[in-house]
Amino acid sequence: MSKTFCPIPWIFQAVRNNGDIRVCCQANVTPNQGVVRHPDGTSYNAGRDSFDEAKNAELMTSIRKNMLKGEWSEECGRCKSEEEAGLQSRRMYELEHWDYSFKNALEDTQTDGTITVRNQYYDLRFGNMCNLACRMCGPTDSHTWYKDYVKLYGNRYKDTH
């Protein structure tokens, strides 16, 4: 089995609260922040694009091919760094909790990285109304973060969407 395999690129799709489709909620360590894009650079968006097309976009097929070869993709950097630090990454968590194996991925993936597998779950964000202020979030995902963010950083808040 690949040391980088994660079931997420096969069984999951995440939608930010502005509708942009991304690889995973953990794929936020690159300037792209895991957003799946069309060849012209515009993001795939749940309000106007097909989920099936987005799941076979170049970023997704590239990540799947890398995982099958045992290579880390840039978008998976957070999991990689957590594992290097001896922590349990989201990748490791997902491997324990989903019945989708490396063998399944090999069977379901074409040589170009495309798949026809139906997603088993979605992470849909409908806005930033949240009464929590979890440390891994920010004002983009929780409105209760906004005042603290401004106190910490001044009026420099820029929506990451």
N, C-alpha and C. Protein backbone atom coordinates (compact mmCIF):
# COMPACT_ATOMS: atom_id res chain seq x y z
N MET A 1 0.83 -1.20 0.00
CA MET A 1 0.00 0.00 0.00
C MET A 1 0.87 1.25 0.00
N SER A 2 0.36 2.28 -0.58
CA SER A 2 1.04 3.57 -0.66
C SER A 2 1.09 4.24 0.71
N LYS A 3 2.20 4.85 1.05
CA LYS A 3 2.32 5.55 2.33
C LYS A 3 1.64 6.92 2.29
N THR A 4 1.12 7.32 1.14
CA THR A 4 0.43 8.61 1.02
C THR A 4 -1.04 8.46 0.68
N PHE A 5 -1.51 7.22 0.54
CA PHE A 5 -2.90 6.99 0.13
C PHE A 5 -3.89 7.51 1.17
N CYS A 6 -4.91 8.18 0.66
CA CYS A 6 -6.01 8.69 1.46
C CYS A 6 -7.28 8.48 0.64
N PRO A 7 -8.37 8.02 1.25
CA PRO A 7 -9.58 7.79 0.47
C PRO A 7 -10.29 9.07 0.01
N ILE A 8 -9.96 10.21 0.59
CA ILE A 8 -10.70 11.45 0.30
C ILE A 8 -10.80 11.78 -1.19
N PRO A 9 -9.74 11.73 -1.98
CA PRO A 9 -9.90 12.09 -3.40
C PRO A 9 -10.80 11.14 -4.21
N TRP A 10 -11.17 10.04 -3.61
CA TRP A 10 -12.04 9.08 -4.29
C TRP A 10 -13.49 9.17 -3.81
N ILE A 11 -13.71 9.48 -2.54
CA ILE A 11 -15.05 9.34 -1.97
C ILE A 11 -15.66 10.63 -1.42
N PHE A 12 -15.00 11.76 -1.58
CA PHE A 12 -15.37 12.97 -0.86
C PHE A 12 -15.26 14.21 -1.74
N GLN A 13 -16.12 15.19 -1.50
CA GLN A 13 -15.94 16.51 -2.11
C GLN A 13 -16.30 17.56 -1.07
N ALA A 14 -15.50 18.61 -1.01
CA ALA A 14 -15.71 19.71 -0.07
C ALA A 14 -16.13 20.95 -0.83
N VAL A 15 -17.10 21.68 -0.27
CA VAL A 15 -17.58 22.91 -0.87
C VAL A 15 -17.45 24.02 0.15
N ARG A 16 -16.68 25.05 -0.19
CA ARG A 16 -16.53 26.21 0.69
C ARG A 16 -17.84 26.99 0.75
N ASN A 17 -17.94 27.90 1.69
CA ASN A 17 -19.20 28.62 1.84
C ASN A 17 -19.49 29.59 0.70
N ASN A 18 -18.55 29.80 -0.20
CA ASN A 18 -18.83 30.59 -1.41
C ASN A 18 -19.14 29.70 -2.61
N GLY A 19 -19.17 28.38 -2.39
CA GLY A 19 -19.49 27.43 -3.45
C GLY A 19 -18.30 26.80 -4.14
N ASP A 20 -17.08 27.31 -3.90
CA ASP A 20 -15.91 26.73 -4.54
C ASP A 20 -15.68 25.30 -4.05
N ILE A 21 -15.36 24.43 -4.98
CA ILE A 21 -15.10 23.03 -4.67
C ILE A 21 -13.61 22.88 -4.42
N ARG A 22 -13.28 22.18 -3.35
CA ARG A 22 -11.86 21.97 -3.04
C ARG A 22 -11.58 20.52 -2.72
N VAL A 23 -10.31 20.19 -2.71
CA VAL A 23 -9.86 18.82 -2.51
C VAL A 23 -10.33 18.28 -1.16
N CYS A 24 -10.11 19.06 -0.12
CA CYS A 24 -10.31 18.60 1.25
C CYS A 24 -10.24 19.84 2.14
N CYS A 25 -10.90 19.80 3.27
CA CYS A 25 -10.85 20.97 4.16
C CYS A 25 -9.46 21.15 4.76
N GLN A 26 -8.62 20.15 4.72
CA GLN A 26 -7.25 20.25 5.24
C GLN A 26 -6.28 20.83 4.20
N ALA A 27 -6.68 20.87 2.96
CA ALA A 27 -5.78 21.32 1.88
C ALA A 27 -5.76 22.85 1.86
N ASN A 28 -5.16 23.42 2.89
CA ASN A 28 -5.15 24.87 2.99
C ASN A 28 -3.77 25.46 3.21
N VAL A 29 -2.73 24.70 2.92
CA VAL A 29 -1.37 25.19 3.16
C VAL A 29 -0.69 25.73 1.90
N THR A 30 -1.39 25.69 0.79
CA THR A 30 -0.82 26.21 -0.46
C THR A 30 -1.53 27.52 -0.82
N PRO A 31 -0.93 28.33 -1.66
CA PRO A 31 -1.64 29.55 -2.09
C PRO A 31 -2.99 29.24 -2.73
N ASN A 32 -3.13 28.10 -3.37
CA ASN A 32 -4.37 27.68 -4.00
C ASN A 32 -5.43 27.24 -2.98
N GLN A 33 -5.01 26.90 -1.78
CA GLN A 33 -5.87 26.42 -0.69
C GLN A 33 -6.75 25.24 -1.09
N GLY A 34 -6.25 24.40 -1.96
CA GLY A 34 -6.97 23.18 -2.33
C GLY A 34 -8.16 23.37 -3.25
N VAL A 35 -8.31 24.55 -3.82
CA VAL A 35 -9.45 24.81 -4.70
C VAL A 35 -9.23 24.10 -6.04
N VAL A 36 -10.25 23.39 -6.49
CA VAL A 36 -10.20 22.67 -7.76
C VAL A 36 -10.53 23.68 -8.87
N ARG A 37 -9.67 23.75 -9.88
CA ARG A 37 -9.81 24.79 -10.90
C ARG A 37 -9.94 24.23 -12.31
N HIS A 38 -10.64 25.01 -13.14
CA HIS A 38 -10.72 24.74 -14.58
C HIS A 38 -9.36 25.07 -15.20
N PRO A 39 -9.10 24.60 -16.42
CA PRO A 39 -7.83 24.94 -17.09
C PRO A 39 -7.59 26.45 -17.21
N ASP A 40 -8.65 27.26 -17.25
CA ASP A 40 -8.45 28.71 -17.35
C ASP A 40 -8.18 29.38 -16.00
N GLY A 41 -8.12 28.59 -14.91
CA GLY A 41 -7.80 29.13 -13.60
C GLY A 41 -9.00 29.46 -12.74
N THR A 42 -10.19 29.49 -13.30
CA THR A 42 -11.38 29.76 -12.49
C THR A 42 -11.72 28.52 -11.67
N SER A 43 -12.31 28.73 -10.52
CA SER A 43 -12.62 27.61 -9.65
C SER A 43 -13.88 26.88 -10.11
N TYR A 44 -13.89 25.58 -9.85
CA TYR A 44 -15.12 24.84 -9.99
C TYR A 44 -16.00 25.30 -8.84
N ASN A 45 -17.27 25.55 -9.12
CA ASN A 45 -18.17 26.09 -8.12
C ASN A 45 -19.46 25.28 -8.12
N ALA A 46 -19.92 24.91 -6.94
CA ALA A 46 -21.12 24.07 -6.81
C ALA A 46 -22.35 24.74 -7.40
N GLY A 47 -22.35 26.05 -7.50
CA GLY A 47 -23.50 26.76 -8.03
C GLY A 47 -23.59 26.74 -9.55
N ARG A 48 -22.50 26.39 -10.22
CA ARG A 48 -22.53 26.46 -11.68
C ARG A 48 -21.86 25.27 -12.38
N ASP A 49 -21.15 24.44 -11.64
CA ASP A 49 -20.39 23.36 -12.26
C ASP A 49 -20.84 21.99 -11.76
N SER A 50 -20.50 20.99 -12.53
CA SER A 50 -20.82 19.61 -12.21
C SER A 50 -19.81 19.05 -11.20
N PHE A 51 -20.33 18.40 -10.15
CA PHE A 51 -19.46 17.74 -9.19
C PHE A 51 -18.67 16.64 -9.88
N ASP A 52 -19.29 15.93 -10.81
CA ASP A 52 -18.59 14.86 -11.52
C ASP A 52 -17.42 15.40 -12.33
N GLU A 53 -17.61 16.55 -12.98
CA GLU A 53 -16.49 17.15 -13.72
C GLU A 53 -15.39 17.59 -12.77
N ALA A 54 -15.77 18.21 -11.66
CA ALA A 54 -14.78 18.69 -10.69
C ALA A 54 -13.97 17.54 -10.11
N LYS A 55 -14.61 16.40 -9.87
CA LYS A 55 -13.85 15.30 -9.27
C LYS A 55 -12.82 14.71 -10.23
N ASN A 56 -12.95 15.01 -11.51
CA ASN A 56 -11.96 14.54 -12.48
C ASN A 56 -11.16 15.69 -13.10
N ALA A 57 -11.15 16.83 -12.42
CA ALA A 57 -10.32 17.95 -12.85
C ALA A 57 -8.84 17.59 -12.69
N GLU A 58 -7.98 18.34 -13.34
CA GLU A 58 -6.54 18.04 -13.35
C GLU A 58 -5.96 17.91 -11.95
N LEU A 59 -6.31 18.79 -11.04
CA LEU A 59 -5.76 18.71 -9.67
C LEU A 59 -6.14 17.39 -9.01
N MET A 60 -7.38 16.99 -9.16
CA MET A 60 -7.84 15.76 -8.53
C MET A 60 -7.18 14.52 -9.14
N THR A 61 -7.07 14.48 -10.46
CA THR A 61 -6.45 13.31 -11.09
C THR A 61 -4.97 13.24 -10.74
N SER A 62 -4.33 14.38 -10.65
CA SER A 62 -2.91 14.44 -10.28
C SER A 62 -2.70 13.93 -8.85
N ILE A 63 -3.55 14.37 -7.93
CA ILE A 63 -3.44 13.92 -6.54
C ILE A 63 -3.65 12.41 -6.45
N ARG A 64 -4.66 11.90 -7.13
CA ARG A 64 -4.91 10.45 -7.09
C ARG A 64 -3.72 9.67 -7.66
N LYS A 65 -3.19 10.10 -8.80
CA LYS A 65 -2.04 9.39 -9.39
C LYS A 65 -0.85 9.43 -8.44
N ASN A 66 -0.59 10.58 -7.81
CA ASN A 66 0.51 10.67 -6.85
C ASN A 66 0.31 9.72 -5.69
N MET A 67 -0.91 9.68 -5.15
CA MET A 67 -1.18 8.78 -4.02
C MET A 67 -0.96 7.33 -4.39
N LEU A 68 -1.38 6.95 -5.58
CA LEU A 68 -1.19 5.56 -6.00
C LEU A 68 0.29 5.22 -6.18
N LYS A 69 1.10 6.23 -6.49
CA LYS A 69 2.56 6.03 -6.63
C LYS A 69 3.30 6.19 -5.31
N GLY A 70 2.58 6.61 -4.26
CA GLY A 70 3.24 6.81 -2.96
C GLY A 70 3.92 8.16 -2.83
N GLU A 71 3.52 9.12 -3.65
CA GLU A 71 4.12 10.45 -3.61
C GLU A 71 3.15 11.46 -2.98
N TRP A 72 3.69 12.43 -2.25
CA TRP A 72 2.87 13.48 -1.66
C TRP A 72 2.59 14.56 -2.69
N SER A 73 1.37 15.04 -2.72
CA SER A 73 1.00 16.20 -3.53
C SER A 73 1.14 17.44 -2.66
N GLU A 74 1.39 18.57 -3.27
CA GLU A 74 1.54 19.82 -2.53
C GLU A 74 0.29 20.11 -1.70
N GLU A 75 -0.89 19.84 -2.24
CA GLU A 75 -2.13 20.12 -1.53
C GLU A 75 -2.28 19.28 -0.27
N CYS A 76 -1.53 18.21 -0.15
CA CYS A 76 -1.61 17.32 1.01
C CYS A 76 -0.52 17.62 2.04
N GLY A 77 0.07 18.79 1.92
CA GLY A 77 1.18 19.18 2.79
C GLY A 77 0.86 19.19 4.27
N ARG A 78 -0.36 19.54 4.63
CA ARG A 78 -0.72 19.57 6.05
C ARG A 78 -0.67 18.16 6.64
N CYS A 79 -1.24 17.18 5.95
CA CYS A 79 -1.17 15.81 6.45
C CYS A 79 0.28 15.33 6.52
N LYS A 80 1.05 15.65 5.50
CA LYS A 80 2.45 15.24 5.48
C LYS A 80 3.20 15.80 6.68
N SER A 81 3.04 17.10 6.95
CA SER A 81 3.78 17.71 8.06
C SER A 81 3.28 17.18 9.41
N GLU A 82 1.98 16.92 9.53
CA GLU A 82 1.47 16.36 10.78
C GLU A 82 2.06 14.98 11.02
N GLU A 83 2.11 14.16 9.99
CA GLU A 83 2.66 12.82 10.13
C GLU A 83 4.15 12.86 10.44
N GLU A 84 4.88 13.76 9.81
CA GLU A 84 6.32 13.89 10.10
C GLU A 84 6.56 14.33 11.54
N ALA A 85 5.59 15.03 12.13
CA ALA A 85 5.70 15.48 13.52
C ALA A 85 5.19 14.42 14.51
N GLY A 86 4.76 13.26 13.98
CA GLY A 86 4.28 12.19 14.84
C GLY A 86 2.83 12.33 15.26
N LEU A 87 2.08 13.19 14.58
CA LEU A 87 0.66 13.40 14.89
C LEU A 87 -0.21 12.54 13.98
N GLN A 88 -1.45 12.33 14.41
CA GLN A 88 -2.39 11.65 13.53
C GLN A 88 -2.98 12.68 12.57
N SER A 89 -2.78 12.47 11.30
CA SER A 89 -3.29 13.39 10.27
C SER A 89 -4.72 13.02 9.91
N ARG A 90 -5.34 13.90 9.17
CA ARG A 90 -6.69 13.59 8.66
C ARG A 90 -6.63 12.36 7.76
N ARG A 91 -5.56 12.24 6.97
CA ARG A 91 -5.39 11.07 6.11
C ARG A 91 -5.45 9.79 6.93
N MET A 92 -4.73 9.76 8.03
CA MET A 92 -4.70 8.57 8.88
C MET A 92 -6.07 8.30 9.51
N TYR A 93 -6.73 9.37 9.92
CA TYR A 93 -8.08 9.25 10.49
C TYR A 93 -9.05 8.66 9.47
N GLU A 94 -9.01 9.19 8.25
CA GLU A 94 -9.92 8.72 7.20
C GLU A 94 -9.66 7.26 6.85
N LEU A 95 -8.41 6.83 6.86
CA LEU A 95 -8.09 5.43 6.58
C LEU A 95 -8.73 4.50 7.62
N GLU A 96 -8.81 4.96 8.86
CA GLU A 96 -9.39 4.15 9.92
C GLU A 96 -10.92 4.11 9.87
N HIS A 97 -11.53 5.15 9.31
CA HIS A 97 -12.98 5.29 9.44
C HIS A 97 -13.80 5.06 8.17
N TRP A 98 -13.16 4.79 7.06
CA TRP A 98 -13.91 4.56 5.82
C TRP A 98 -13.55 3.21 5.26
N ASP A 99 -14.52 2.54 4.72
CA ASP A 99 -14.30 1.24 4.09
C ASP A 99 -14.00 1.45 2.61
N TYR A 100 -12.87 2.11 2.37
CA TYR A 100 -12.41 2.32 1.00
C TYR A 100 -10.89 2.16 1.02
N SER A 101 -10.42 1.11 0.41
CA SER A 101 -9.02 0.72 0.53
C SER A 101 -8.17 1.12 -0.68
N PHE A 102 -6.90 0.96 -0.52
CA PHE A 102 -5.95 1.18 -1.61
C PHE A 102 -6.31 0.27 -2.78
N LYS A 103 -6.69 -0.97 -2.47
CA LYS A 103 -7.10 -1.92 -3.52
C LYS A 103 -8.31 -1.38 -4.27
N ASN A 104 -9.31 -0.82 -3.54
CA ASN A 104 -10.48 -0.22 -4.19
C ASN A 104 -10.05 0.90 -5.12
N ALA A 105 -9.12 1.73 -4.65
CA ALA A 105 -8.65 2.87 -5.45
C ALA A 105 -7.97 2.40 -6.73
N LEU A 106 -7.15 1.37 -6.62
CA LEU A 106 -6.49 0.82 -7.81
C LEU A 106 -7.52 0.33 -8.82
N GLU A 107 -8.55 -0.35 -8.34
CA GLU A 107 -9.58 -0.88 -9.22
C GLU A 107 -10.42 0.22 -9.86
N ASP A 108 -10.65 1.30 -9.13
CA ASP A 108 -11.56 2.36 -9.57
C ASP A 108 -10.91 3.47 -10.39
N THR A 109 -9.59 3.47 -10.48
CA THR A 109 -8.88 4.58 -11.10
C THR A 109 -8.33 4.21 -12.48
N GLN A 110 -8.66 5.05 -13.45
CA GLN A 110 -8.12 4.88 -14.80
C GLN A 110 -6.66 5.34 -14.81
N THR A 111 -5.91 5.01 -15.84
CA THR A 111 -4.49 5.39 -15.90
C THR A 111 -4.30 6.91 -15.91
N ASP A 112 -5.30 7.66 -16.37
CA ASP A 112 -5.18 9.12 -16.38
C ASP A 112 -5.62 9.75 -15.05
N GLY A 113 -5.99 8.91 -14.06
CA GLY A 113 -6.37 9.40 -12.74
C GLY A 113 -7.86 9.67 -12.57
N THR A 114 -8.63 9.50 -13.64
CA THR A 114 -10.07 9.74 -13.54
C THR A 114 -10.77 8.57 -12.85
N ILE A 115 -11.95 8.87 -12.30
CA ILE A 115 -12.75 7.85 -11.62
C ILE A 115 -14.22 8.04 -11.99
N THR A 116 -15.00 6.99 -11.77
CA THR A 116 -16.45 7.08 -11.94
C THR A 116 -17.16 6.74 -10.63
N VAL A 117 -16.41 6.54 -9.56
CA VAL A 117 -16.96 6.20 -8.26
C VAL A 117 -17.87 7.32 -7.76
N ARG A 118 -18.99 6.94 -7.17
CA ARG A 118 -19.89 7.94 -6.57
C ARG A 118 -19.32 8.36 -5.21
N ASN A 119 -19.38 9.66 -4.94
CA ASN A 119 -18.92 10.13 -3.64
C ASN A 119 -19.79 9.55 -2.53
N GLN A 120 -19.15 9.27 -1.40
CA GLN A 120 -19.87 8.76 -0.25
C GLN A 120 -20.26 9.88 0.71
N TYR A 121 -19.50 10.98 0.68
CA TYR A 121 -19.89 12.10 1.52
C TYR A 121 -19.37 13.42 0.98
N TYR A 122 -20.03 14.50 1.45
CA TYR A 122 -19.71 15.86 1.04
C TYR A 122 -19.55 16.72 2.28
N ASP A 123 -18.67 17.68 2.21
CA ASP A 123 -18.52 18.70 3.24
C ASP A 123 -19.05 19.98 2.63
N LEU A 124 -20.29 20.35 2.98
CA LEU A 124 -20.94 21.52 2.40
C LEU A 124 -20.98 22.64 3.42
N ARG A 125 -20.44 23.78 3.08
CA ARG A 125 -20.46 24.96 3.96
C ARG A 125 -21.42 25.97 3.35
N PHE A 126 -22.43 26.35 4.10
CA PHE A 126 -23.47 27.24 3.57
C PHE A 126 -23.30 28.70 3.99
N GLY A 127 -22.28 29.01 4.70
CA GLY A 127 -22.04 30.37 5.15
C GLY A 127 -21.10 30.35 6.34
N ASN A 128 -20.94 31.50 7.00
CA ASN A 128 -20.03 31.54 8.13
C ASN A 128 -20.77 31.78 9.46
N MET A 129 -22.07 31.57 9.49
CA MET A 129 -22.82 31.69 10.73
C MET A 129 -22.53 30.48 11.61
N CYS A 130 -21.76 30.71 12.65
CA CYS A 130 -21.37 29.63 13.55
C CYS A 130 -21.17 30.23 14.92
N ASN A 131 -21.70 29.59 15.96
CA ASN A 131 -21.55 30.13 17.30
C ASN A 131 -20.27 29.68 17.99
N LEU A 132 -19.41 29.00 17.26
CA LEU A 132 -18.13 28.56 17.79
C LEU A 132 -17.00 29.41 17.20
N ALA A 133 -15.86 29.37 17.85
CA ALA A 133 -14.67 30.05 17.34
C ALA A 133 -13.49 29.09 17.49
N CYS A 134 -13.57 27.96 16.84
CA CYS A 134 -12.53 26.94 16.94
C CYS A 134 -11.20 27.48 16.42
N ARG A 135 -10.13 27.10 17.03
CA ARG A 135 -8.82 27.65 16.68
C ARG A 135 -8.37 27.31 15.27
N MET A 136 -8.92 26.26 14.66
CA MET A 136 -8.51 25.92 13.30
C MET A 136 -9.30 26.69 12.26
N CYS A 137 -10.29 27.46 12.68
CA CYS A 137 -11.10 28.25 11.74
C CYS A 137 -10.66 29.70 11.74
N GLY A 138 -11.45 30.50 11.15
CA GLY A 138 -11.25 31.94 11.10
C GLY A 138 -12.56 32.57 10.68
N PRO A 139 -12.56 33.88 10.43
CA PRO A 139 -13.79 34.57 10.09
C PRO A 139 -14.48 34.07 8.82
N THR A 140 -13.75 33.47 7.94
CA THR A 140 -14.36 32.96 6.71
C THR A 140 -15.35 31.84 7.04
N ASP A 141 -15.04 31.03 8.05
CA ASP A 141 -15.90 29.90 8.40
C ASP A 141 -16.72 30.10 9.67
N SER A 142 -16.41 31.11 10.47
CA SER A 142 -17.17 31.37 11.68
C SER A 142 -17.22 32.87 11.96
N HIS A 143 -18.44 33.43 11.96
CA HIS A 143 -18.58 34.87 12.18
C HIS A 143 -18.13 35.28 13.57
N THR A 144 -18.13 34.34 14.53
CA THR A 144 -17.72 34.70 15.89
C THR A 144 -16.21 34.94 16.00
N TRP A 145 -15.49 34.61 14.97
CA TRP A 145 -14.06 34.86 14.93
C TRP A 145 -13.72 36.30 14.56
N TYR A 146 -14.59 37.00 13.91
CA TYR A 146 -14.26 38.29 13.30
C TYR A 146 -13.69 39.30 14.30
N LYS A 147 -14.35 39.53 15.44
CA LYS A 147 -13.87 40.52 16.42
C LYS A 147 -12.47 40.17 16.93
N ASP A 148 -12.24 38.90 17.25
CA ASP A 148 -10.91 38.50 17.73
C ASP A 148 -9.86 38.65 16.64
N TYR A 149 -10.22 38.33 15.43
CA TYR A 149 -9.28 38.46 14.31
C TYR A 149 -8.86 39.92 14.15
N VAL A 150 -9.81 40.82 14.21
CA VAL A 150 -9.51 42.26 14.07
C VAL A 150 -8.64 42.73 15.24
N LYS A 151 -8.92 42.23 16.46
CA LYS A 151 -8.09 42.58 17.63
C LYS A 151 -6.65 42.11 17.43
N LEU A 152 -6.50 40.92 16.90
CA LEU A 152 -5.17 40.35 16.70
C LEU A 152 -4.41 40.97 15.53
N TYR A 153 -5.11 41.22 14.44
CA TYR A 153 -4.44 41.61 13.21
C TYR A 153 -4.85 42.98 12.69
N GLY A 154 -5.71 43.69 13.40
CA GLY A 154 -6.18 44.98 12.91
C GLY A 154 -7.21 44.78 11.82
N ASN A 155 -7.52 45.80 11.11
CA ASN A 155 -8.55 45.73 10.07
C ASN A 155 -8.00 45.17 8.76
N ARG A 156 -7.10 44.21 8.86
CA ARG A 156 -6.48 43.63 7.68
C ARG A 156 -7.16 42.36 7.22
N TYR A 157 -8.35 42.06 7.75
CA TYR A 157 -9.01 40.82 7.37
C TYR A 157 -9.33 40.80 5.90
N LYS A 158 -8.89 39.73 5.24
CA LYS A 158 -9.19 39.54 3.82
C LYS A 158 -9.81 38.16 3.69
N ASP A 159 -11.02 38.13 3.18
CA ASP A 159 -11.71 36.86 2.98
C ASP A 159 -10.88 36.00 2.03
N THR A 160 -10.60 34.78 2.44
CA THR A 160 -9.78 33.88 1.62
C THR A 160 -10.52 33.38 0.40
N HIS A 161 -11.79 33.69 0.26
CA HIS A 161 -12.56 33.25 -0.90
C HIS A 161 -12.47 34.30 -1.97
